[in-house]
PDB file of all heavy atoms in Angstrom:
ATOM      1  N   VAL A   1      21.546 -15.934  29.905  1.00  0.00           N
ATOM      2  CA  VAL A   1      21.565 -14.505  29.881  1.00  0.00           C
ATOM      3  C   VAL A   1      21.876 -13.960  31.277  1.00  0.00           C
ATOM      4  O   VAL A   1      21.264 -14.430  32.285  1.00  0.00           O
ATOM      5  CB  VAL A   1      20.189 -13.942  29.403  1.00  0.00           C
ATOM      6  CG1 VAL A   1      20.146 -12.427  29.483  1.00  0.00           C
ATOM      7  CG2 VAL A   1      19.831 -14.457  28.021  1.00  0.00           C
ATOM      8  N   LEU A   2      22.788 -13.045  31.357  1.00  0.00           N
ATOM      9  CA  LEU A   2      23.136 -12.430  32.645  1.00  0.00           C
ATOM     10  C   LEU A   2      22.019 -11.415  32.941  1.00  0.00           C
ATOM     11  O   LEU A   2      21.721 -10.554  32.144  1.00  0.00           O
ATOM     12  CB  LEU A   2      24.479 -11.728  32.596  1.00  0.00           C
ATOM     13  CG  LEU A   2      24.921 -11.095  33.928  1.00  0.00           C
ATOM     14  CD1 LEU A   2      25.109 -12.207  34.992  1.00  0.00           C
ATOM     15  CD2 LEU A   2      26.216 -10.338  33.735  1.00  0.00           C
ATOM     16  N   GLU A   3      21.346 -11.570  34.091  1.00  0.00           N
ATOM     17  CA  GLU A   3      20.244 -10.756  34.461  1.00  0.00           C
ATOM     18  C   GLU A   3      20.578  -9.923  35.650  1.00  0.00           C
ATOM     19  O   GLU A   3      21.428 -10.290  36.477  1.00  0.00           O
ATOM     20  CB  GLU A   3      19.013 -11.581  34.786  1.00  0.00           C
ATOM     21  CG  GLU A   3      18.532 -12.406  33.641  1.00  0.00           C
ATOM     22  CD  GLU A   3      17.339 -13.276  34.017  1.00  0.00           C
ATOM     23  OE1 GLU A   3      16.920 -13.263  35.204  1.00  0.00           O
ATOM     24  OE2 GLU A   3      16.845 -14.019  33.162  1.00  0.00           O
ATOM     25  N   LEU A   4      19.960  -8.770  35.821  1.00  0.00           N
ATOM     26  CA  LEU A   4      20.009  -8.013  37.046  1.00  0.00           C
ATOM     27  C   LEU A   4      19.495  -8.904  38.179  1.00  0.00           C
ATOM     28  O   LEU A   4      18.607  -9.675  37.940  1.00  0.00           O
ATOM     29  CB  LEU A   4      19.166  -6.732  36.968  1.00  0.00           C
ATOM     30  CG  LEU A   4      19.597  -5.670  35.957  1.00  0.00           C
ATOM     31  CD1 LEU A   4      18.594  -4.537  35.923  1.00  0.00           C
ATOM     32  CD2 LEU A   4      20.974  -5.151  36.264  1.00  0.00           C
ATOM     33  N   GLY A   5      20.074  -8.796  39.331  1.00  0.00           N
ATOM     34  CA  GLY A   5      19.583  -9.580  40.428  1.00  0.00           C
ATOM     35  C   GLY A   5      20.730 -10.285  41.147  1.00  0.00           C
ATOM     36  O   GLY A   5      21.886  -9.943  40.969  1.00  0.00           O
ATOM     37  N   CYS A   6      20.398 -11.279  41.944  1.00  0.00           N
ATOM     38  CA  CYS A   6      21.326 -11.904  42.831  1.00  0.00           C
ATOM     39  C   CYS A   6      21.664 -13.309  42.427  1.00  0.00           C
ATOM     40  O   CYS A   6      20.854 -14.052  41.966  1.00  0.00           O
ATOM     41  CB  CYS A   6      20.780 -11.940  44.234  1.00  0.00           C
ATOM     42  SG  CYS A   6      20.583 -10.256  44.940  1.00  0.00           S
ATOM     43  N   TYR A   7      22.947 -13.639  42.612  1.00  0.00           N
ATOM     44  CA  TYR A   7      23.492 -14.988  42.402  1.00  0.00           C
ATOM     45  C   TYR A   7      24.171 -15.354  43.709  1.00  0.00           C
ATOM     46  O   TYR A   7      24.972 -14.568  44.218  1.00  0.00           O
ATOM     47  CB  TYR A   7      24.475 -14.964  41.222  1.00  0.00           C
ATOM     48  CG  TYR A   7      23.842 -14.652  39.873  1.00  0.00           C
ATOM     49  CD1 TYR A   7      23.518 -13.347  39.545  1.00  0.00           C
ATOM     50  CD2 TYR A   7      23.530 -15.651  39.023  1.00  0.00           C
ATOM     51  CE1 TYR A   7      22.896 -13.062  38.331  1.00  0.00           C
ATOM     52  CE2 TYR A   7      22.855 -15.414  37.792  1.00  0.00           C
ATOM     53  CZ  TYR A   7      22.576 -14.081  37.465  1.00  0.00           C
ATOM     54  OH  TYR A   7      22.016 -13.782  36.232  1.00  0.00           O
ATOM     55  N   GLU A   8      23.931 -16.561  44.190  1.00  0.00           N
ATOM     56  CA  GLU A   8      24.445 -16.895  45.494  1.00  0.00           C
ATOM     57  C   GLU A   8      24.902 -18.338  45.648  1.00  0.00           C
ATOM     58  O   GLU A   8      24.245 -19.234  45.019  1.00  0.00           O
ATOM     59  CB  GLU A   8      23.378 -16.584  46.546  1.00  0.00           C
ATOM     60  CG  GLU A   8      23.819 -16.813  47.960  1.00  0.00           C
ATOM     61  CD  GLU A   8      22.727 -16.404  48.985  1.00  0.00           C
ATOM     62  OE1 GLU A   8      21.526 -16.505  48.682  1.00  0.00           O
ATOM     63  OE2 GLU A   8      23.120 -15.967  50.094  1.00  0.00           O
ATOM     64  N   TYR A   9      25.932 -18.549  46.487  1.00  0.00           N
ATOM     65  CA  TYR A   9      26.273 -19.895  46.882  1.00  0.00           C
ATOM     66  C   TYR A   9      26.284 -19.843  48.426  1.00  0.00           C
ATOM     67  O   TYR A   9      26.864 -18.961  49.048  1.00  0.00           O
ATOM     68  CB  TYR A   9      27.682 -20.277  46.415  1.00  0.00           C
ATOM     69  CG  TYR A   9      28.135 -21.619  46.982  1.00  0.00           C
ATOM     70  CD1 TYR A   9      27.771 -22.803  46.351  1.00  0.00           C
ATOM     71  CD2 TYR A   9      28.918 -21.742  48.126  1.00  0.00           C
ATOM     72  CE1 TYR A   9      28.119 -24.046  46.855  1.00  0.00           C
ATOM     73  CE2 TYR A   9      29.312 -22.915  48.616  1.00  0.00           C
ATOM     74  CZ  TYR A   9      28.883 -24.103  47.987  1.00  0.00           C
ATOM     75  OH  TYR A   9      29.260 -25.345  48.508  1.00  0.00           O
ATOM     76  N   ASN A  10      25.565 -20.826  49.033  1.00  0.00           N
ATOM     77  CA  ASN A  10      25.422 -20.833  50.509  1.00  0.00           C
ATOM     78  C   ASN A  10      25.397 -22.273  50.972  1.00  0.00           C
ATOM     79  O   ASN A  10      24.338 -22.901  50.886  1.00  0.00           O
ATOM     80  CB  ASN A  10      24.155 -20.050  50.954  1.00  0.00           C
ATOM     81  CG  ASN A  10      24.174 -19.820  52.437  1.00  0.00           C
ATOM     82  OD1 ASN A  10      25.085 -20.224  53.186  1.00  0.00           O
ATOM     83  ND2 ASN A  10      23.140 -19.159  52.898  1.00  0.00           N
ATOM     84  N   LYS A  11      26.538 -22.791  51.419  1.00  0.00           N
ATOM     85  CA  LYS A  11      26.596 -24.170  51.855  1.00  0.00           C
ATOM     86  C   LYS A  11      27.816 -24.379  52.736  1.00  0.00           C
ATOM     87  O   LYS A  11      28.861 -23.768  52.515  1.00  0.00           O
ATOM     88  CB  LYS A  11      26.699 -25.085  50.600  1.00  0.00           C
ATOM     89  CG  LYS A  11      26.590 -26.537  50.894  1.00  0.00           C
ATOM     90  CD  LYS A  11      26.546 -27.356  49.599  1.00  0.00           C
ATOM     91  CE  LYS A  11      26.364 -28.807  49.875  1.00  0.00           C
ATOM     92  NZ  LYS A  11      26.420 -29.609  48.661  1.00  0.00           N
ATOM     93  N   ASP A  12      27.693 -25.257  53.675  1.00  0.00           N
ATOM     94  CA  ASP A  12      28.851 -25.639  54.589  1.00  0.00           C
ATOM     95  C   ASP A  12      29.546 -24.449  55.242  1.00  0.00           C
ATOM     96  O   ASP A  12      30.729 -24.427  55.332  1.00  0.00           O
ATOM     97  CB  ASP A  12      29.851 -26.477  53.818  1.00  0.00           C
ATOM     98  CG  ASP A  12      29.243 -27.762  53.319  1.00  0.00           C
ATOM     99  OD1 ASP A  12      28.349 -28.316  53.989  1.00  0.00           O
ATOM    100  OD2 ASP A  12      29.652 -28.223  52.225  1.00  0.00           O
ATOM    101  N   GLY A  13      28.759 -23.429  55.588  1.00  0.00           N
ATOM    102  CA  GLY A  13      29.341 -22.227  56.255  1.00  0.00           C
ATOM    103  C   GLY A  13      29.991 -21.278  55.312  1.00  0.00           C
ATOM    104  O   GLY A  13      30.611 -20.305  55.728  1.00  0.00           O
ATOM    105  N   ASN A  14      29.945 -21.552  53.986  1.00  0.00           N
ATOM    106  CA  ASN A  14      30.476 -20.643  52.961  1.00  0.00           C
ATOM    107  C   ASN A  14      29.336 -19.880  52.313  1.00  0.00           C
ATOM    108  O   ASN A  14      28.324 -20.451  51.973  1.00  0.00           O
ATOM    109  CB  ASN A  14      31.249 -21.464  51.898  1.00  0.00           C
ATOM    110  CG  ASN A  14      32.389 -22.195  52.493  1.00  0.00           C
ATOM    111  OD1 ASN A  14      33.229 -21.650  53.173  1.00  0.00           O
ATOM    112  ND2 ASN A  14      32.411 -23.527  52.219  1.00  0.00           N
ATOM    113  N   ASN A  15      29.526 -18.552  52.192  1.00  0.00           N
ATOM    114  CA  ASN A  15      28.450 -17.776  51.552  1.00  0.00           C
ATOM    115  C   ASN A  15      29.099 -16.788  50.637  1.00  0.00           C
ATOM    116  O   ASN A  15      29.978 -15.980  51.014  1.00  0.00           O
ATOM    117  CB  ASN A  15      27.620 -17.034  52.597  1.00  0.00           C
ATOM    118  CG  ASN A  15      26.508 -16.257  51.940  1.00  0.00           C
ATOM    119  OD1 ASN A  15      26.631 -15.088  51.664  1.00  0.00           O
ATOM    120  ND2 ASN A  15      25.426 -16.930  51.711  1.00  0.00           N
ATOM    121  N   VAL A  16      28.716 -16.821  49.347  1.00  0.00           N
ATOM    122  CA  VAL A  16      29.178 -15.873  48.360  1.00  0.00           C
ATOM    123  C   VAL A  16      27.921 -15.344  47.669  1.00  0.00           C
ATOM    124  O   VAL A  16      27.054 -16.114  47.219  1.00  0.00           O
ATOM    125  CB  VAL A  16      30.074 -16.566  47.287  1.00  0.00           C
ATOM    126  CG1 VAL A  16      30.490 -15.511  46.247  1.00  0.00           C
ATOM    127  CG2 VAL A  16      31.265 -17.179  47.943  1.00  0.00           C
ATOM    128  N   LYS A  17      27.764 -14.029  47.636  1.00  0.00           N
ATOM    129  CA  LYS A  17      26.572 -13.434  47.021  1.00  0.00           C
ATOM    130  C   LYS A  17      27.017 -12.280  46.171  1.00  0.00           C
ATOM    131  O   LYS A  17      27.729 -11.364  46.591  1.00  0.00           O
ATOM    132  CB  LYS A  17      25.629 -12.947  48.110  1.00  0.00           C
ATOM    133  CG  LYS A  17      24.313 -12.457  47.526  1.00  0.00           C
ATOM    134  CD  LYS A  17      23.293 -12.139  48.636  1.00  0.00           C
ATOM    135  CE  LYS A  17      21.958 -11.778  48.083  1.00  0.00           C
ATOM    136  NZ  LYS A  17      20.984 -11.538  49.162  1.00  0.00           N
ATOM    137  N   MET A  18      26.570 -12.373  44.867  1.00  0.00           N
ATOM    138  CA  MET A  18      26.804 -11.256  43.915  1.00  0.00           C
ATOM    139  C   MET A  18      25.503 -10.708  43.463  1.00  0.00           C
ATOM    140  O   MET A  18      24.637 -11.430  43.057  1.00  0.00           O
ATOM    141  CB  MET A  18      27.637 -11.692  42.707  1.00  0.00           C
ATOM    142  CG  MET A  18      27.882 -10.557  41.747  1.00  0.00           C
ATOM    143  SD  MET A  18      28.739 -11.008  40.233  1.00  0.00           S
ATOM    144  CE  MET A  18      30.428 -11.024  40.783  1.00  0.00           C
ATOM    145  N   GLU A  19      25.334  -9.386  43.648  1.00  0.00           N
ATOM    146  CA  GLU A  19      24.102  -8.726  43.153  1.00  0.00           C
ATOM    147  C   GLU A  19      24.518  -7.928  41.984  1.00  0.00           C
ATOM    148  O   GLU A  19      25.296  -6.985  42.047  1.00  0.00           O
ATOM    149  CB  GLU A  19      23.505  -7.830  44.209  1.00  0.00           C
ATOM    150  CG  GLU A  19      22.272  -7.130  43.742  1.00  0.00           C
ATOM    151  CD  GLU A  19      21.635  -6.224  44.737  1.00  0.00           C
ATOM    152  OE1 GLU A  19      22.183  -6.016  45.814  1.00  0.00           O
ATOM    153  OE2 GLU A  19      20.556  -5.679  44.414  1.00  0.00           O
ATOM    154  N   ILE A  20      23.996  -8.302  40.786  1.00  0.00           N
ATOM    155  CA  ILE A  20      24.289  -7.595  39.559  1.00  0.00           C
ATOM    156  C   ILE A  20      23.351  -6.403  39.512  1.00  0.00           C
ATOM    157  O   ILE A  20      22.134  -6.547  39.540  1.00  0.00           O
ATOM    158  CB  ILE A  20      24.056  -8.464  38.321  1.00  0.00           C
ATOM    159  CG1 ILE A  20      24.903  -9.736  38.363  1.00  0.00           C
ATOM    160  CG2 ILE A  20      24.249  -7.706  37.026  1.00  0.00           C
ATOM    161  CD1 ILE A  20      26.387  -9.533  38.283  1.00  0.00           C
ATOM    162  N   THR A  21      23.929  -5.199  39.482  1.00  0.00           N
ATOM    163  CA  THR A  21      23.094  -3.973  39.516  1.00  0.00           C
ATOM    164  C   THR A  21      22.974  -3.257  38.193  1.00  0.00           C
ATOM    165  O   THR A  21      22.121  -2.444  37.972  1.00  0.00           O
ATOM    166  CB  THR A  21      23.673  -2.990  40.539  1.00  0.00           C
ATOM    167  OG1 THR A  21      25.074  -2.680  40.206  1.00  0.00           O
ATOM    168  CG2 THR A  21      23.607  -3.540  41.977  1.00  0.00           C
ATOM    169  N   LYS A  22      23.836  -3.614  37.220  1.00  0.00           N
ATOM    170  CA  LYS A  22      23.820  -2.971  35.897  1.00  0.00           C
ATOM    171  C   LYS A  22      24.412  -3.984  34.870  1.00  0.00           C
ATOM    172  O   LYS A  22      25.481  -4.556  35.089  1.00  0.00           O
ATOM    173  CB  LYS A  22      24.631  -1.659  35.896  1.00  0.00           C
ATOM    174  CG  LYS A  22      24.705  -1.021  34.567  1.00  0.00           C
ATOM    175  CD  LYS A  22      25.591   0.237  34.604  1.00  0.00           C
ATOM    176  CE  LYS A  22      26.020   0.698  33.254  1.00  0.00           C
ATOM    177  NZ  LYS A  22      27.082   1.719  33.334  1.00  0.00           N
ATOM    178  N   VAL A  23      23.677  -4.171  33.780  1.00  0.00           N
ATOM    179  CA  VAL A  23      24.193  -4.956  32.687  1.00  0.00           C
ATOM    180  C   VAL A  23      24.051  -4.120  31.409  1.00  0.00           C
ATOM    181  O   VAL A  23      22.949  -3.879  30.943  1.00  0.00           O
ATOM    182  CB  VAL A  23      23.372  -6.285  32.516  1.00  0.00           C
ATOM    183  CG1 VAL A  23      23.889  -7.100  31.322  1.00  0.00           C
ATOM    184  CG2 VAL A  23      23.420  -7.172  33.750  1.00  0.00           C
ATOM    185  N   ALA A  24      25.154  -3.657  30.925  1.00  0.00           N
ATOM    186  CA  ALA A  24      25.253  -2.851  29.708  1.00  0.00           C
ATOM    187  C   ALA A  24      26.628  -3.117  29.120  1.00  0.00           C
ATOM    188  O   ALA A  24      27.114  -4.215  29.229  1.00  0.00           O
ATOM    189  CB  ALA A  24      25.008  -1.368  30.037  1.00  0.00           C
ATOM    190  N   ASP A  25      27.216  -2.052  28.505  1.00  0.00           N
ATOM    191  CA  ASP A  25      28.602  -2.230  28.017  1.00  0.00           C
ATOM    192  C   ASP A  25      29.490  -2.679  29.165  1.00  0.00           C
ATOM    193  O   ASP A  25      30.419  -3.399  28.952  1.00  0.00           O
ATOM    194  CB  ASP A  25      29.142  -0.936  27.449  1.00  0.00           C
ATOM    195  CG  ASP A  25      28.439  -0.554  26.152  1.00  0.00           C
ATOM    196  OD1 ASP A  25      27.834  -1.411  25.517  1.00  0.00           O
ATOM    197  OD2 ASP A  25      28.461   0.619  25.750  1.00  0.00           O
ATOM    198  N   GLU A  26      29.144  -2.223  30.362  1.00  0.00           N
ATOM    199  CA  GLU A  26      29.891  -2.536  31.540  1.00  0.00           C
ATOM    200  C   GLU A  26      28.910  -3.231  32.502  1.00  0.00           C
ATOM    201  O   GLU A  26      27.777  -2.862  32.586  1.00  0.00           O
ATOM    202  CB  GLU A  26      30.449  -1.261  32.156  1.00  0.00           C
ATOM    203  CG  GLU A  26      31.462  -1.425  33.212  1.00  0.00           C
ATOM    204  CD  GLU A  26      32.057  -0.087  33.645  1.00  0.00           C
ATOM    205  OE1 GLU A  26      31.360   0.655  34.339  1.00  0.00           O
ATOM    206  OE2 GLU A  26      33.177   0.199  33.285  1.00  0.00           O
ATOM    207  N   VAL A  27      29.388  -4.254  33.218  1.00  0.00           N
ATOM    208  CA  VAL A  27      28.562  -4.928  34.244  1.00  0.00           C
ATOM    209  C   VAL A  27      29.056  -4.527  35.565  1.00  0.00           C
ATOM    210  O   VAL A  27      30.281  -4.555  35.866  1.00  0.00           O
ATOM    211  CB  VAL A  27      28.704  -6.510  34.049  1.00  0.00           C
ATOM    212  CG1 VAL A  27      27.938  -7.216  35.191  1.00  0.00           C
ATOM    213  CG2 VAL A  27      28.221  -6.913  32.663  1.00  0.00           C
ATOM    214  N   THR A  28      28.134  -4.103  36.438  1.00  0.00           N
ATOM    215  CA  THR A  28      28.535  -3.694  37.797  1.00  0.00           C
ATOM    216  C   THR A  28      27.682  -4.465  38.798  1.00  0.00           C
ATOM    217  O   THR A  28      26.601  -4.917  38.479  1.00  0.00           O
ATOM    218  CB  THR A  28      28.325  -2.183  38.037  1.00  0.00           C
ATOM    219  OG1 THR A  28      27.000  -1.866  37.865  1.00  0.00           O
ATOM    220  CG2 THR A  28      29.228  -1.396  37.088  1.00  0.00           C
ATOM    221  N   GLY A  29      28.247  -4.568  40.027  1.00  0.00           N
ATOM    222  CA  GLY A  29      27.532  -5.257  41.049  1.00  0.00           C
ATOM    223  C   GLY A  29      28.213  -5.194  42.379  1.00  0.00           C
ATOM    224  O   GLY A  29      29.301  -4.595  42.497  1.00  0.00           O
ATOM    225  N   ASN A  30      27.612  -5.832  43.357  1.00  0.00           N
ATOM    226  CA  ASN A  30      28.172  -5.918  44.714  1.00  0.00           C
ATOM    227  C   ASN A  30      28.527  -7.371  44.936  1.00  0.00           C
ATOM    228  O   ASN A  30      27.697  -8.226  44.608  1.00  0.00           O
ATOM    229  CB  ASN A  30      27.178  -5.398  45.742  1.00  0.00           C
ATOM    230  CG  ASN A  30      26.816  -3.944  45.474  1.00  0.00           C
ATOM    231  OD1 ASN A  30      27.669  -3.118  45.388  1.00  0.00           O
ATOM    232  ND2 ASN A  30      25.515  -3.667  45.414  1.00  0.00           N
ATOM    233  N   LEU A  31      29.639  -7.609  45.556  1.00  0.00           N
ATOM    234  CA  LEU A  31      30.049  -8.971  45.804  1.00  0.00           C
ATOM    235  C   LEU A  31      30.498  -9.113  47.270  1.00  0.00           C
ATOM    236  O   LEU A  31      31.339  -8.314  47.757  1.00  0.00           O
ATOM    237  CB  LEU A  31      31.227  -9.353  44.883  1.00  0.00           C
ATOM    238  CG  LEU A  31      31.802 -10.778  45.042  1.00  0.00           C
ATOM    239  CD1 LEU A  31      30.740 -11.832  44.764  1.00  0.00           C
ATOM    240  CD2 LEU A  31      32.972 -10.945  44.041  1.00  0.00           C
ATOM    241  N   ASN A  32      29.933 -10.079  47.929  1.00  0.00           N
ATOM    242  CA  ASN A  32      30.265 -10.370  49.340  1.00  0.00           C
ATOM    243  C   ASN A  32      30.648 -11.801  49.448  1.00  0.00           C
ATOM    244  O   ASN A  32      29.938 -12.651  48.989  1.00  0.00           O
ATOM    245  CB  ASN A  32      29.058 -10.064  50.267  1.00  0.00           C
ATOM    246  CG  ASN A  32      28.582  -8.605  50.170  1.00  0.00           C
ATOM    247  OD1 ASN A  32      29.382  -7.695  49.963  1.00  0.00           O
ATOM    248  ND2 ASN A  32      27.286  -8.415  50.329  1.00  0.00           N
ATOM    249  N   THR A  33      31.801 -12.025  50.085  1.00  0.00           N
ATOM    250  CA  THR A  33      32.242 -13.390  50.284  1.00  0.00           C
ATOM    251  C   THR A  33      32.557 -13.645  51.737  1.00  0.00           C
ATOM    252  O   THR A  33      33.106 -12.806  52.453  1.00  0.00           O
ATOM    253  CB  THR A  33      33.550 -13.710  49.485  1.00  0.00           C
ATOM    254  OG1 THR A  33      34.566 -12.811  49.937  1.00  0.00           O
ATOM    255  CG2 THR A  33      33.282 -13.494  48.007  1.00  0.00           C
ATOM    256  N   ALA A  34      32.121 -14.793  52.209  1.00  0.00           N
ATOM    257  CA  ALA A  34      32.422 -15.240  53.591  1.00  0.00           C
ATOM    258  C   ALA A  34      32.628 -16.732  53.600  1.00  0.00           C
ATOM    259  O   ALA A  34      31.718 -17.512  53.535  1.00  0.00           O
ATOM    260  CB  ALA A  34      31.248 -14.876  54.507  1.00  0.00           C
ATOM    261  N   TYR A  35      33.933 -17.127  53.517  1.00  0.00           N
ATOM    262  CA  TYR A  35      34.280 -18.526  53.529  1.00  0.00           C
ATOM    263  C   TYR A  35      34.534 -18.971  54.961  1.00  0.00           C
ATOM    264  O   TYR A  35      35.104 -18.195  55.738  1.00  0.00           O
ATOM    265  CB  TYR A  35      35.533 -18.767  52.669  1.00  0.00           C
ATOM    266  CG  TYR A  35      35.246 -18.583  51.159  1.00  0.00           C
ATOM    267  CD1 TYR A  35      35.747 -17.478  50.486  1.00  0.00           C
ATOM    268  CD2 TYR A  35      34.470 -19.527  50.507  1.00  0.00           C
ATOM    269  CE1 TYR A  35      35.470 -17.330  49.171  1.00  0.00           C
ATOM    270  CE2 TYR A  35      34.225 -19.356  49.131  1.00  0.00           C
ATOM    271  CZ  TYR A  35      34.705 -18.238  48.487  1.00  0.00           C
ATOM    272  OH  TYR A  35      34.453 -18.093  47.112  1.00  0.00           O
ATOM    273  N   SER A  36      34.132 -20.148  55.254  1.00  0.00           N
ATOM    274  CA  SER A  36      34.240 -20.731  56.582  1.00  0.00           C
ATOM    275  C   SER A  36      35.756 -20.669  57.007  1.00  0.00           C
ATOM    276  O   SER A  36      36.646 -21.085  56.278  1.00  0.00           O
ATOM    277  CB  SER A  36      33.814 -22.174  56.590  1.00  0.00           C
ATOM    278  OG  SER A  36      33.934 -22.748  57.873  1.00  0.00           O
ATOM    279  N   GLY A  37      36.000 -20.094  58.214  1.00  0.00           N
ATOM    280  CA  GLY A  37      37.304 -20.009  58.736  1.00  0.00           C
ATOM    281  C   GLY A  37      38.183 -18.873  58.149  1.00  0.00           C
ATOM    282  O   GLY A  37      39.399 -18.819  58.450  1.00  0.00           O
ATOM    283  N   LYS A  38      37.645 -18.005  57.321  1.00  0.00           N
ATOM    284  CA  LYS A  38      38.421 -16.932  56.673  1.00  0.00           C
ATOM    285  C   LYS A  38      37.665 -15.618  56.919  1.00  0.00           C
ATOM    286  O   LYS A  38      36.525 -15.622  57.170  1.00  0.00           O
ATOM    287  CB  LYS A  38      38.607 -17.143  55.201  1.00  0.00           C
ATOM    288  CG  LYS A  38      39.435 -18.390  54.919  1.00  0.00           C
ATOM    289  CD  LYS A  38      39.739 -18.488  53.433  1.00  0.00           C
ATOM    290  CE  LYS A  38      40.591 -19.699  53.118  1.00  0.00           C
ATOM    291  NZ  LYS A  38      41.014 -19.764  51.764  1.00  0.00           N
ATOM    292  N   ASP A  39      38.407 -14.525  56.765  1.00  0.00           N
ATOM    293  CA  ASP A  39      37.778 -13.187  56.875  1.00  0.00           C
ATOM    294  C   ASP A  39      36.864 -12.944  55.725  1.00  0.00           C
ATOM    295  O   ASP A  39      37.107 -13.400  54.621  1.00  0.00           O
ATOM    296  CB  ASP A  39      38.850 -12.098  56.917  1.00  0.00           C
ATOM    297  CG  ASP A  39      39.699 -12.114  58.191  1.00  0.00           C
ATOM    298  OD1 ASP A  39      39.169 -12.461  59.214  1.00  0.00           O
ATOM    299  OD2 ASP A  39      40.904 -11.774  58.077  1.00  0.00           O
ATOM    300  N   SER A  40      35.738 -12.260  56.013  1.00  0.00           N
ATOM    301  CA  SER A  40      34.779 -11.961  54.946  1.00  0.00           C
ATOM    302  C   SER A  40      35.277 -10.752  54.169  1.00  0.00           C
ATOM    303  O   SER A  40      35.977  -9.891  54.695  1.00  0.00           O
ATOM    304  CB  SER A  40      33.409 -11.799  55.526  1.00  0.00           C
ATOM    305  OG  SER A  40      33.366 -10.665  56.356  1.00  0.00           O
ATOM    306  N   ASN A  41      34.792 -10.649  52.939  1.00  0.00           N
ATOM    307  CA  ASN A  41      35.097  -9.469  52.088  1.00  0.00           C
ATOM    308  C   ASN A  41      33.788  -8.885  51.538  1.00  0.00           C
ATOM    309  O   ASN A  41      32.902  -9.659  51.214  1.00  0.00           O
ATOM    310  CB  ASN A  41      35.929  -9.906  50.862  1.00  0.00           C
ATOM    311  CG  ASN A  41      37.270 -10.522  51.269  1.00  0.00           C
ATOM    312  OD1 ASN A  41      37.896 -10.086  52.149  1.00  0.00           O
ATOM    313  ND2 ASN A  41      37.640 -11.559  50.497  1.00  0.00           N
ATOM    314  N   LYS A  42      33.763  -7.607  51.484  1.00  0.00           N
ATOM    315  CA  LYS A  42      32.595  -6.908  50.830  1.00  0.00           C
ATOM    316  C   LYS A  42      33.155  -5.896  49.918  1.00  0.00           C
ATOM    317  O   LYS A  42      34.053  -5.156  50.256  1.00  0.00           O
ATOM    318  CB  LYS A  42      31.736  -6.240  51.948  1.00  0.00           C
ATOM    319  CG  LYS A  42      31.071  -7.229  52.810  1.00  0.00           C
ATOM    320  CD  LYS A  42      30.097  -6.513  53.816  1.00  0.00           C
ATOM    321  CE  LYS A  42      29.402  -7.603  54.626  1.00  0.00           C
ATOM    322  NZ  LYS A  42      28.341  -7.046  55.400  1.00  0.00           N
TER     323      LYS A  42
END
């Protein structure tokens, strides 16, 4: 079940974090990515 809250990968200098803020007909959230050696995205 997709739940409100955070899902994260953090290993070897790579960090991806998605915070699910709404689960209904539409799913919304915040997503931040920071891969080692690349520009981060928010």
